[in-house]
Protein backbone atom coordinates (compact mmCIF):
# COMPACT_ATOMS: atom_id res chain seq x y z
CA MET A 1 -10.48 74.42 1.42
CA ASP A 2 -14.51 75.25 0.29
CA LEU A 3 -16.87 72.94 2.84
CA ARG A 4 -20.74 73.66 2.52
CA PRO A 5 -21.98 74.74 6.02
CA ALA A 6 -23.43 71.61 7.63
CA LEU A 7 -19.70 70.64 7.63
CA PHE A 8 -18.84 73.19 10.15
CA PHE A 9 -21.48 71.87 12.27
CA LEU A 10 -19.67 68.50 12.20
CA LEU A 11 -16.50 69.89 12.66
CA ILE A 12 -17.58 71.49 16.29
CA ALA A 13 -18.72 68.00 17.18
CA VAL A 14 -15.87 66.49 16.33
CA CYS A 15 -13.64 68.03 17.97
CA GLY A 16 -15.75 67.08 21.44
CA LEU A 17 -14.53 63.72 20.36
CA VAL A 18 -11.15 64.24 20.05
CA ALA A 19 -10.04 63.18 23.84
CA ALA A 20 -11.61 59.63 22.92
CA ALA A 21 -9.31 58.81 20.10
CA THR A 22 -7.32 55.89 20.54
CA ILE A 23 -3.99 57.09 19.08
CA ALA A 24 -1.46 59.45 20.18
CA VAL A 25 -1.35 62.55 18.58
CA THR A 26 1.66 63.78 17.14
CA GLY A 27 2.53 66.66 14.47
CA ASN A 28 -1.15 66.96 13.47
CA ASP A 29 -3.93 67.57 15.39
CA SER A 30 -6.47 68.18 13.00
CA PRO A 31 -10.18 67.44 13.80
CA TRP A 32 -9.95 65.54 9.81
CA ARG A 33 -7.30 63.05 11.67
CA HIS A 34 -9.73 62.50 14.71
CA MET A 35 -12.43 61.95 12.84
CA ALA A 36 -10.73 59.55 10.07
CA GLU A 37 -8.83 57.29 12.95
CA GLN A 38 -12.56 56.79 14.39
CA ASP A 39 -14.10 56.23 11.56
CA LEU A 40 -11.11 53.49 10.67
CA ALA A 41 -11.79 51.74 13.95
CA THR A 42 -15.05 51.45 13.38
CA ILE A 43 -14.77 49.87 9.95
CA ARG A 44 -12.02 47.87 10.77
CA ASP A 45 -14.43 46.39 14.10
CA THR A 46 -17.27 46.12 11.51
CA ILE A 47 -15.96 43.72 9.57
CA ARG A 48 -14.06 41.85 11.88
CA ASP A 49 -17.63 41.54 14.34
CA ARG A 50 -19.94 41.09 11.60
CA HIS A 51 -18.34 40.74 7.94
CA PRO A 52 -17.33 36.97 7.35
CA GLY A 53 -14.61 37.70 5.24
CA PRO A 54 -12.33 37.45 8.10
CA LEU A 55 -13.85 33.92 8.96
CA ASP A 56 -13.71 32.51 5.50
CA ALA A 57 -10.40 30.15 5.04
CA ARG A 58 -11.03 30.56 1.74
CA ASN A 59 -10.02 33.60 0.83
CA PRO A 60 -6.86 34.61 3.22
CA ALA A 61 -6.05 37.49 1.47
CA PHE A 62 -9.24 39.40 3.10
CA ALA A 63 -8.29 38.91 6.73
CA GLN A 64 -4.58 40.05 5.59
CA TRP A 65 -5.80 43.17 3.67
CA ASN A 66 -8.07 44.51 7.21
CA ALA A 67 -4.88 44.21 9.13
CA ARG A 68 -2.64 45.34 6.45
CA GLY A 69 -4.96 48.33 4.97
CA TYR A 70 -5.79 49.15 8.22
CA ASP A 71 -2.20 50.14 9.07
CA GLU A 72 -1.97 51.99 5.69
CA ALA A 73 -4.97 53.79 5.95
CA MET A 74 -3.80 55.27 9.82
CA ALA A 75 -0.93 56.35 8.07
CA LEU A 76 -2.73 57.93 5.62
CA ALA A 77 -5.16 59.25 8.21
CA ALA A 78 -2.36 60.74 10.72
CA GLN A 79 -1.50 63.03 7.68
CA ALA A 80 -5.29 64.37 7.06
CA THR A 81 -5.94 68.64 7.19
CA ASP A 82 -8.96 68.47 5.65
CA PHE A 83 -11.97 66.53 4.08
CA PRO A 84 -10.37 65.09 0.73
CA GLY A 85 -7.37 63.62 2.72
CA TYR A 86 -10.21 62.08 5.75
CA GLU A 87 -11.95 60.97 2.54
CA LYS A 88 -8.89 59.22 0.82
CA ALA A 89 -7.61 57.40 4.13
CA LEU A 90 -10.71 55.77 4.27
CA ARG A 91 -11.32 54.94 0.34
CA GLU A 92 -7.71 53.16 0.41
CA TYR A 93 -8.82 51.27 3.15
CA VAL A 94 -12.22 49.85 1.54
CA ASN A 95 -11.55 49.76 -2.01
CA GLY A 96 -8.73 47.35 -1.63
CA PHE A 97 -11.17 44.52 -0.27
CA HIS A 98 -11.46 44.56 -3.86
CA ASP A 99 -15.05 43.63 -2.84
CA GLY A 100 -18.31 44.95 -4.52
CA HIS A 101 -20.56 44.48 -1.02
CA LEU A 102 -18.21 46.54 1.02
CA SER A 103 -18.75 50.01 0.43
CA LEU A 104 -18.13 53.36 1.91
CA ASN A 105 -20.92 56.09 1.34
CA LEU A 106 -20.21 59.20 2.08
CA ASP A 107 -23.03 62.09 2.92
CA MET A 108 -20.94 65.25 1.93
CA GLN A 109 -17.92 66.45 -0.17
CA ALA A 110 -15.94 68.80 -1.09
CA THR A 111 -17.35 71.79 -2.62
CA ARG A 112 -14.51 72.66 -5.52
CA ALA A 113 -12.54 70.45 -7.63
CA TRP A 114 -9.44 70.25 -9.88
CA TRP A 115 -9.93 69.35 -13.58
CA PRO A 116 -7.15 69.97 -16.69
CA GLY A 117 -10.93 71.67 -18.76
CA PHE A 118 -11.88 68.11 -19.97
CA VAL A 119 -13.45 64.24 -18.10
CA MET A 120 -11.83 61.21 -19.10
CA ALA A 121 -14.48 57.95 -19.50
CA TRP A 122 -13.47 54.14 -20.35
CA ARG A 123 -15.36 53.19 -23.67
CA ASP A 124 -14.27 50.84 -26.78
CA ASN A 125 -11.57 49.48 -24.44
CA ALA A 126 -9.65 52.76 -24.24
CA TRP A 127 -9.51 55.92 -22.18
CA ARG A 128 -11.35 58.18 -24.46
CA VAL A 129 -11.88 62.62 -23.71
CA HIS A 130 -15.84 62.28 -22.75
CA SER A 131 -16.98 66.14 -22.61
CA VAL A 132 -14.41 69.24 -22.82
CA ALA A 133 -15.14 72.35 -21.03
CA SER A 134 -15.99 75.02 -24.16
CA ASP A 135 -12.49 77.38 -23.47
CA VAL A 136 -10.05 74.10 -24.30
CA ALA A 137 -9.33 73.86 -27.94
CA SER A 138 -7.95 70.48 -27.41
CA PRO A 139 -7.95 67.02 -26.76
CA ARG A 140 -11.32 66.43 -28.55
CA VAL A 141 -14.15 64.87 -27.55
CA GLY A 142 -13.61 60.66 -28.37
CA GLU A 143 -9.60 61.58 -28.60
CA VAL A 144 -7.74 58.60 -26.90
CA LEU A 145 -5.01 59.32 -23.97
CA VAL A 146 -2.08 57.47 -24.73
CA ALA A 147 0.33 58.90 -21.51
CA CYS A 148 0.80 61.49 -19.66
CA ASP A 149 4.39 62.07 -18.15
CA GLY A 150 5.88 59.04 -20.09
CA ILE A 151 3.41 57.33 -17.83
CA ALA A 152 0.77 54.72 -19.75
CA ALA A 153 -2.57 55.41 -19.66
CA GLU A 154 -3.00 52.05 -17.91
CA ASP A 155 -0.63 52.78 -15.34
CA LEU A 156 -1.75 56.02 -14.66
CA TYR A 157 -4.45 54.87 -13.89
CA GLU A 158 -4.09 52.01 -11.73
CA ARG A 159 -1.52 54.77 -9.85
CA ARG A 160 -4.08 57.81 -9.49
CA VAL A 161 -7.77 55.65 -8.87
CA VAL A 162 -7.64 51.93 -8.58
CA PRO A 163 -5.72 52.35 -4.50
CA PHE A 164 -9.78 54.29 -4.33
CA TYR A 165 -11.94 53.69 -6.74
CA GLY A 166 -12.60 50.58 -9.07
CA ASN A 167 -11.65 47.07 -8.86
CA PRO A 168 -8.70 45.72 -10.88
CA GLU A 169 -10.04 42.30 -10.91
CA ILE A 170 -13.27 43.81 -12.73
CA ARG A 171 -12.58 45.26 -15.97
CA SER A 172 -15.42 46.57 -16.57
CA SER A 173 -15.33 48.55 -13.42
CA ARG A 174 -13.01 50.63 -15.70
CA VAL A 175 -16.95 52.72 -16.76
CA VAL A 176 -17.99 53.83 -13.50
CA SER A 177 -14.30 54.83 -12.09
CA ALA A 178 -12.39 56.02 -14.93
CA PRO A 179 -13.50 59.83 -14.51
CA ARG A 180 -11.67 60.08 -11.73
CA LEU A 181 -8.27 59.45 -13.62
CA LEU A 182 -8.12 63.35 -14.06
CA VAL A 183 -10.07 64.69 -11.38
CA ASP A 184 -8.71 65.75 -8.28
CA ILE A 185 -10.78 66.41 -5.24
CA GLY A 186 -7.55 67.48 -3.39
CA THR A 187 -7.36 71.08 -1.97
CA ASP A 188 -4.25 72.02 -3.18
CA LYS A 189 -3.23 71.90 -7.01
CA PRO A 190 -2.23 68.75 -8.81
CA GLU A 191 1.40 68.12 -8.54
CA ALA A 192 0.81 65.48 -12.04
CA PRO A 193 0.55 64.61 -14.13
CA SER A 194 1.08 67.74 -16.41
CA ASN A 195 1.98 66.98 -19.80
CA CYS A 196 -0.27 64.45 -21.81
CA THR A 197 -0.30 62.80 -25.50
CA PHE A 198 -3.71 61.57 -27.18
CA ARG A 199 -4.20 60.06 -30.11
CA GLY A 200 -7.37 61.60 -32.40
CA ALA A 201 -8.63 60.98 -36.56
CA ASN A 202 -4.83 63.01 -37.23
CA GLY A 203 -2.57 60.79 -35.27
CA GLU A 204 -0.67 61.91 -31.70
CA HIS A 205 -0.02 65.19 -30.12
CA LYS A 206 0.99 66.62 -27.03
CA ARG A 207 -0.35 69.12 -24.80
CA ALA A 208 -0.15 70.58 -21.19
CA LEU A 209 -2.56 69.99 -18.75
CA ASP A 210 -4.12 73.28 -17.84
CA TRP A 211 -5.11 72.31 -13.93
CA ARG A 212 -8.33 74.69 -12.76
CA ARG A 213 -10.74 74.32 -9.34
CA THR A 214 -13.90 74.26 -10.34
CA ALA A 215 -16.90 74.42 -8.21
CA TRP A 216 -18.02 70.32 -7.59
CA ASP A 217 -21.65 71.14 -8.63
CA VAL A 218 -20.62 72.11 -12.35
CA LEU A 219 -18.06 69.09 -12.32
CA SER A 220 -20.16 66.52 -10.94
CA PRO A 221 -23.12 66.03 -14.09
CA LEU A 222 -19.83 65.53 -16.49
CA VAL A 223 -18.84 63.08 -13.87
CA GLN A 224 -21.86 61.28 -13.84
CA ALA A 225 -22.57 61.44 -17.00
CA ALA A 226 -19.50 59.96 -18.28
CA ARG A 227 -19.40 57.09 -15.32
CA THR A 228 -23.18 56.21 -15.66
CA GLY A 229 -25.75 58.48 -16.86
CA THR A 230 -29.55 57.96 -15.77
CA PRO A 231 -31.11 54.97 -16.19
CA PRO A 232 -34.30 54.72 -17.61
CA SER A 233 -37.79 54.72 -15.36
CA VAL A 234 -39.39 51.43 -14.45
CA GLY A 235 -41.68 50.43 -16.85
CA VAL A 236 -42.68 48.58 -20.35
CA ARG A 237 -43.26 50.01 -24.33
CA SER A 238 -43.93 48.83 -27.73
CA VAL A 239 -40.51 49.60 -29.91
CA ALA A 240 -40.54 49.07 -33.95
CA GLY A 241 -40.47 46.16 -35.26
CA ASN A 242 -43.20 44.41 -33.00
CA GLY A 243 -40.77 44.95 -30.16
CA THR A 244 -41.10 45.02 -26.12
CA TRP A 245 -38.89 46.88 -23.88
CA VAL A 246 -39.12 46.67 -20.25
CA SER A 247 -36.79 48.98 -17.91
CA LEU A 248 -35.58 47.69 -14.95
CA PRO A 249 -33.31 49.75 -13.59
CA SER A 250 -33.22 48.39 -9.60
CA PHE A 251 -33.77 45.50 -7.70
CA THR A 252 -33.81 47.67 -4.32
CA LEU A 253 -37.36 48.39 -4.07
CA HIS A 254 -39.44 49.85 -1.05
CA GLY A 255 -42.81 50.95 -0.61
CA ALA A 256 -44.90 52.37 -3.97
CA GLU A 257 -41.72 50.76 -5.88
CA ILE A 258 -43.09 47.43 -5.48
CA GLU A 259 -46.62 47.86 -6.41
CA GLN A 260 -44.82 49.61 -9.49
CA THR A 261 -42.21 47.02 -10.31
CA LYS A 262 -45.09 44.31 -9.90
CA ALA A 263 -47.53 46.11 -12.34
CA VAL A 264 -44.63 46.67 -15.20
CA LEU A 265 -44.02 42.42 -14.90
CA ALA A 266 -47.91 42.13 -14.91
CA GLN A 267 -48.39 43.60 -18.17
CA LEU A 268 -45.58 41.09 -19.80
CA GLU A 269 -48.20 38.67 -20.22
CA GLN A 270 -49.70 40.95 -23.21
CA HIS A 271 -46.60 41.56 -24.82
CA ARG A 272 -46.29 38.00 -25.31
CA ASP A 273 -47.02 38.30 -29.01
CA SER A 274 -44.04 40.47 -29.05
CA ASP A 275 -41.34 39.12 -32.12
CA TYR A 276 -38.97 40.76 -29.50
CA MET A 277 -38.23 41.64 -26.02
CA VAL A 278 -35.63 44.17 -24.82
CA VAL A 279 -34.76 43.50 -20.75
CA ASP A 280 -33.05 46.16 -19.80
CA VAL A 281 -31.09 46.28 -16.64
CA ARG A 282 -29.26 49.57 -17.21
CA GLY A 283 -28.34 51.04 -13.90
CA ASN A 284 -29.40 48.09 -11.64
CA GLY A 285 -27.20 47.83 -8.86
CA GLY A 286 -28.99 44.84 -7.51
CA GLY A 287 -31.26 44.60 -4.57
CA SER A 288 -33.64 41.49 -3.92
CA SER A 289 -32.97 38.10 -5.59
CA TYR A 290 -36.26 37.54 -6.02
CA TRP A 291 -37.41 40.35 -8.67
CA GLY A 292 -35.22 38.60 -11.17
CA SER A 293 -37.39 35.61 -10.76
CA ALA A 294 -40.23 37.13 -10.77
CA THR A 295 -39.18 38.38 -14.50
CA ILE A 296 -38.15 35.82 -16.03
CA ALA A 297 -41.73 33.86 -14.68
CA ALA A 298 -43.42 37.03 -16.30
CA ILE A 299 -42.06 36.65 -19.89
CA TYR A 300 -41.51 32.79 -20.10
CA GLY A 301 -44.41 31.72 -17.89
CA GLU A 302 -45.17 30.53 -13.83
CA ALA A 303 -44.47 27.02 -15.04
CA PHE A 304 -41.13 27.66 -16.84
CA GLY A 305 -39.92 30.09 -14.38
CA LYS A 306 -39.99 27.93 -11.65
CA TRP A 307 -38.70 24.70 -13.96
CA MET A 308 -35.70 27.71 -14.44
CA ASP A 309 -35.64 27.93 -10.55
CA ASP A 310 -35.37 24.62 -9.98
CA GLU A 311 -32.96 23.75 -12.33
CA ALA A 312 -30.79 26.14 -11.10
CA THR A 313 -30.88 25.03 -7.60
CA ARG A 314 -30.41 21.31 -8.78
CA LYS A 315 -27.34 21.97 -11.03
CA GLN A 316 -26.23 24.16 -7.68
CA ALA A 317 -27.43 21.35 -5.31
CA ASN A 318 -23.78 22.07 -3.10
CA THR A 319 -24.16 25.90 -3.17
CA TYR A 320 -25.09 26.98 0.59
CA VAL A 321 -24.68 29.96 2.51
CA GLU A 322 -23.16 30.78 6.02
CA PHE A 323 -24.16 33.88 7.86
CA ARG A 324 -21.93 35.51 10.01
CA VAL A 325 -23.40 35.61 13.12
CA SER A 326 -24.32 39.12 14.99
CA GLN A 327 -26.79 40.63 16.84
CA ALA A 328 -26.57 43.33 14.01
CA THR A 329 -27.15 40.46 11.51
CA ALA A 330 -30.35 38.94 13.10
CA ASP A 331 -31.65 42.86 13.51
CA HIS A 332 -30.49 43.21 9.69
CA PHE A 333 -32.74 40.73 8.35
CA ARG A 334 -35.56 41.33 10.74
CA SER A 335 -36.19 44.81 9.34
CA GLU A 336 -36.31 43.05 5.78
CA LEU A 337 -39.04 40.73 6.76
CA PRO A 338 -41.72 43.62 6.02
CA ARG A 339 -40.05 44.28 2.96
CA ILE A 340 -40.12 40.52 2.15
CA ALA A 341 -43.50 40.13 2.84
CA GLN A 342 -45.11 42.61 0.31
CA GLY A 343 -42.82 41.68 -2.52
CA ALA A 344 -42.90 37.93 -2.44
CA GLY A 345 -46.16 37.60 0.37
CA LYS A 346 -45.80 36.28 4.18
CA ASP A 347 -46.97 32.91 2.67
CA SER A 348 -44.14 32.59 0.56
CA GLN A 349 -41.02 30.55 0.83
CA ASP A 350 -38.68 33.01 0.70
CA TYR A 351 -40.29 34.92 3.46
CA ARG A 352 -40.49 31.40 5.42
CA TYR A 353 -36.82 30.81 4.82
CA PHE A 354 -35.66 34.77 5.77
CA ASP A 355 -37.85 34.32 9.05
CA ARG A 356 -36.49 30.96 9.73
CA ILE A 357 -32.42 32.37 9.41
CA VAL A 358 -33.89 35.35 11.93
CA ALA A 359 -34.99 32.85 14.65
CA SER A 360 -31.57 30.51 14.12
CA LEU A 361 -29.60 33.97 14.15
CA ASP A 362 -30.76 35.16 17.29
CA ALA A 363 -29.99 31.04 18.95
CA ALA A 364 -26.96 31.23 17.48
CA VAL A 365 -26.34 34.63 19.02
CA LYS A 366 -27.13 33.56 22.80
CA ARG A 367 -24.82 29.84 22.04
CA GLY A 368 -21.81 32.42 20.53
CA ASP A 369 -21.81 30.58 17.07
CA ALA A 370 -19.95 32.66 15.10
CA LEU A 371 -21.23 31.18 11.43
CA LEU A 372 -24.76 30.03 10.63
CA ASP A 373 -24.81 27.44 8.12
CA ASP A 374 -27.74 27.23 6.00
CA ARG A 375 -28.89 24.14 4.56
CA ALA A 376 -30.68 22.45 7.00
CA ILE A 377 -33.29 25.43 6.66
CA GLN A 378 -32.84 25.10 2.77
CA ARG A 379 -33.87 21.52 3.12
CA GLU A 380 -36.86 22.56 5.41
CA VAL A 381 -37.86 25.89 3.31
CA TYR A 382 -37.56 24.57 -0.38
CA GLY A 383 -36.97 20.82 -0.03
CA ALA A 384 -34.19 19.01 -1.44
CA PRO A 385 -32.59 19.53 -4.15
CA LYS A 386 -34.11 16.96 -7.27
CA ALA A 387 -31.46 14.32 -8.29
CA ILE A 388 -33.17 14.18 -12.04
CA ALA A 389 -34.33 16.92 -13.81
CA ALA A 390 -37.54 17.67 -14.45
CA PRO A 391 -39.29 17.60 -17.96
CA ARG A 392 -38.83 20.94 -19.36
CA PRO A 393 -42.43 23.08 -19.78
CA GLU A 394 -43.37 25.00 -22.62
CA PRO A 395 -41.82 28.65 -22.46
CA ALA A 396 -45.24 30.60 -22.66
CA TYR A 397 -42.95 33.22 -25.12
CA HIS A 398 -41.24 32.21 -28.08
CA GLY A 399 -39.71 35.22 -29.08
CA ARG A 400 -36.19 36.88 -29.00
CA VAL A 401 -34.76 37.99 -25.85
CA PHE A 402 -32.08 40.82 -26.26
CA PHE A 403 -30.70 40.83 -22.24
CA LEU A 404 -29.02 44.89 -21.91
CA THR A 405 -26.88 45.46 -19.32
CA ASP A 406 -24.01 47.59 -18.81
CA ALA A 407 -21.23 47.57 -15.95
CA ASN A 408 -23.27 48.94 -13.04
CA CYS A 409 -24.97 44.95 -13.35
CA ALA A 410 -24.23 44.02 -9.81
CA SER A 411 -25.59 41.61 -6.52
CA ALA A 412 -28.96 40.53 -7.44
CA CYS A 413 -29.24 41.98 -10.92
CA LEU A 414 -26.16 39.35 -11.62
CA ASP A 415 -28.16 36.73 -10.01
CA PHE A 416 -31.00 37.90 -12.56
CA ALA A 417 -28.53 37.68 -15.34
CA ASP A 418 -27.24 33.68 -13.71
CA LEU A 419 -30.80 33.05 -14.88
CA MET A 420 -31.27 35.14 -18.13
CA VAL A 421 -28.04 33.57 -19.83
CA CYS A 422 -29.77 29.84 -19.46
CA ALA A 423 -33.26 31.69 -21.08
CA PRO A 424 -34.50 30.11 -24.51
CA ASN A 425 -33.74 32.58 -27.65
CA MET A 426 -32.05 35.13 -25.06
CA VAL A 427 -28.70 37.17 -26.57
CA GLN A 428 -27.01 39.55 -24.12
CA VAL A 429 -26.02 43.29 -26.03
CA GLY A 430 -24.55 46.05 -24.50
CA GLY A 431 -21.82 46.39 -21.94
CA GLU A 432 -19.74 43.63 -19.53
CA THR A 433 -22.12 43.20 -16.15
CA SER A 434 -19.94 44.09 -12.80
CA GLY A 435 -19.04 41.24 -10.95
CA ASP A 436 -19.06 40.24 -7.53
CA THR A 437 -17.33 38.05 -4.74
CA ALA A 438 -19.25 35.38 -2.98
CA TYR A 439 -20.05 37.90 -0.14
CA MET A 440 -23.57 39.54 -0.28
CA ASP A 441 -26.79 40.59 1.71
CA VAL A 442 -25.74 44.10 3.01
CA ALA A 443 -26.14 45.82 5.88
CA LYS A 444 -25.08 49.24 7.05
CA ARG A 445 -23.28 50.85 10.39
CA PRO A 446 -23.24 54.69 10.97
CA LEU A 447 -19.78 56.04 11.20
CA PRO A 448 -19.07 57.66 15.22
CA SER A 449 -17.82 61.30 12.72
CA GLY A 450 -21.68 61.54 11.40
CA THR A 451 -20.30 61.74 7.72
CA GLY A 452 -21.75 58.71 6.66
CA THR A 453 -21.94 54.70 6.72
CA ILE A 454 -19.91 51.61 5.93
CA VAL A 455 -22.09 49.04 3.73
CA TYR A 456 -20.78 45.65 4.76
CA ALA A 457 -21.63 41.69 3.33
CA THR A 458 -23.71 39.29 6.07
CA LYS A 459 -23.11 36.41 4.34
CA VAL A 460 -21.23 34.23 2.26
CA TYR A 461 -22.14 31.69 -0.71
CA ARG A 462 -20.00 28.34 -1.04
CA ASP A 463 -19.40 26.82 -4.34
CA ARG A 464 -21.48 29.69 -6.28
CA ALA A 465 -21.39 28.48 -9.85
CA ARG A 466 -20.65 32.28 -10.68
CA GLY A 467 -16.94 32.55 -9.74
CA HIS A 468 -15.37 34.60 -7.42
CA ASN A 469 -16.05 38.67 -9.37
CA GLU A 470 -16.64 37.18 -12.57
CA THR A 471 -18.24 38.82 -15.13
CA TYR A 472 -20.85 38.85 -17.92
CA VAL A 473 -20.01 39.50 -21.33
CA PRO A 474 -22.17 40.59 -24.27
CA ALA A 475 -22.30 38.43 -27.50
CA THR A 476 -22.17 41.91 -28.96
CA ALA A 477 -21.27 45.32 -27.31
CA TRP A 478 -23.20 48.71 -28.03
CA SER A 479 -19.87 51.19 -28.84
CA GLY A 480 -21.92 54.78 -28.11
CA ASP A 481 -23.18 56.31 -25.15
CA ALA A 482 -24.42 53.33 -22.90
CA TRP A 483 -27.02 56.10 -21.86
CA ASP A 484 -28.30 56.88 -25.45
CA THR A 485 -31.63 54.66 -25.45
CA ALA A 486 -32.75 55.52 -28.85
CA GLY A 487 -29.50 54.95 -30.36
CA ILE A 488 -29.70 51.06 -28.86
CA GLU A 489 -32.95 51.12 -29.53
CA ALA A 490 -32.84 51.72 -33.07
CA TRP A 491 -29.05 49.51 -32.74
CA ILE A 492 -31.19 46.36 -31.80
CA ALA A 493 -34.73 46.62 -33.98
CA ASP A 494 -31.85 46.98 -36.88
CA MET A 495 -30.35 43.38 -35.28
CA GLN A 496 -33.72 42.28 -35.27
CA ARG A 497 -34.81 43.34 -38.67
CA SER A 498 -31.50 42.08 -40.63
CA GLY A 499 -31.47 39.08 -38.81
CA LYS A 500 -28.02 39.52 -38.10
CA VAL A 501 -28.11 38.74 -34.27
CA PRO A 502 -24.86 36.84 -32.87
CA VAL A 503 -24.71 33.52 -31.81
CA GLN A 504 -24.95 33.81 -27.53
CA LYS A 505 -22.32 31.41 -26.01
CA PRO A 506 -23.99 29.33 -23.06
CA ALA A 507 -22.81 30.01 -19.78
CA LYS A 508 -21.38 27.28 -18.39
CA HIS A 509 -24.00 26.49 -15.40
CA CYS A 510 -26.70 26.05 -18.03
């Protein structure tokens, strides 16, 4: 196993921690085993003590996997003799929760990986060849993988990828995890698959896989391009046909990014004479929901934006939040207060809400409570939801809005989508969004090995309109490269010019 130099220093450190391992060594005395066992125990304890899932009576499968998945992962850890074995054990455990807000962030990776000379992608509801090495004559880019060793491509994905990457409950997660289908970071040459069938313009053909070991620095850009590409930078610009294009690639903003996004949104008022706007959230994995509401206000005006927020609250009057009580949760939201102040302002309702949440969490920790119900704080800060809809103000923008999404749209991006799908003259285009569970607002905890962090949710939404791992499907899908901005720009401009714009089916909560 080829490893980055820093990894050797980590191994030396880990060897000093072996004596603290709680599980006796039987057969495998590798430092990687002990790293995996210690990190798995920390992940289990973090979820048990800080995550709302183990206390969620509405989702008993969560607590069940926390027990069963941990045992299965520890069995894998017992076999770990290298980094791939270590990573496999941790990823199986974390991925088994099928929760996009529970994830493993590793700072290290193998320096080499196995591949057959081509990388797969999920496009047009099929497993397609995305890129091919120059010395590989077959398969060709765009061909569809039918099966390998008699196993259908979908079944192969479920066997090789789903246990460690992707979410079987969210179809769009295939976009992100598909390149892993025929890439293996293991030290030893993969045993299977060995022969695959592809379908191209001239029908089906078979080929034997020539597995080769390649530097990960060479392979990684190909995997990234097949998966997500590079989102455009935040900004606003004019496009053909008197259109406006605003790119919002993230709602996780800090420092200068906050001011930059504020400046971009402030410019939208000057573009309200546009015939159409494209709101591009490709690559946006979430962050603060404040920015979604701010974008609605920037497009349609403050009065209309507030009315939409109030209507969403009124229609979800029974929705509330339960925070998992722990000192770590209180400290997490305390550390978020300066960022909320910079974004929304210290005098905003959002800041006052979280300031009250922090104080209430501190008190709940002292009482020994397990969960904190936020309904009283909601009413105190935001007021009681209106029983009757307020008069609908006139929106400041009357043009068409194309809402451009992709499989990365999750968390606060989905909160934004909740509003956008109810906005006037809106049509969603591009790709299906991701989905999420009701577990929200992530915090991080370092792993004892020093390899990375476990990311976990701190609260659970109750009675949210959008369902568990529910996605938004575009009224019309873009079939090309999700990162071909020029191509998408021409495609949208042609729709606008021709008038052949699909009708957006209203969301059930609108």
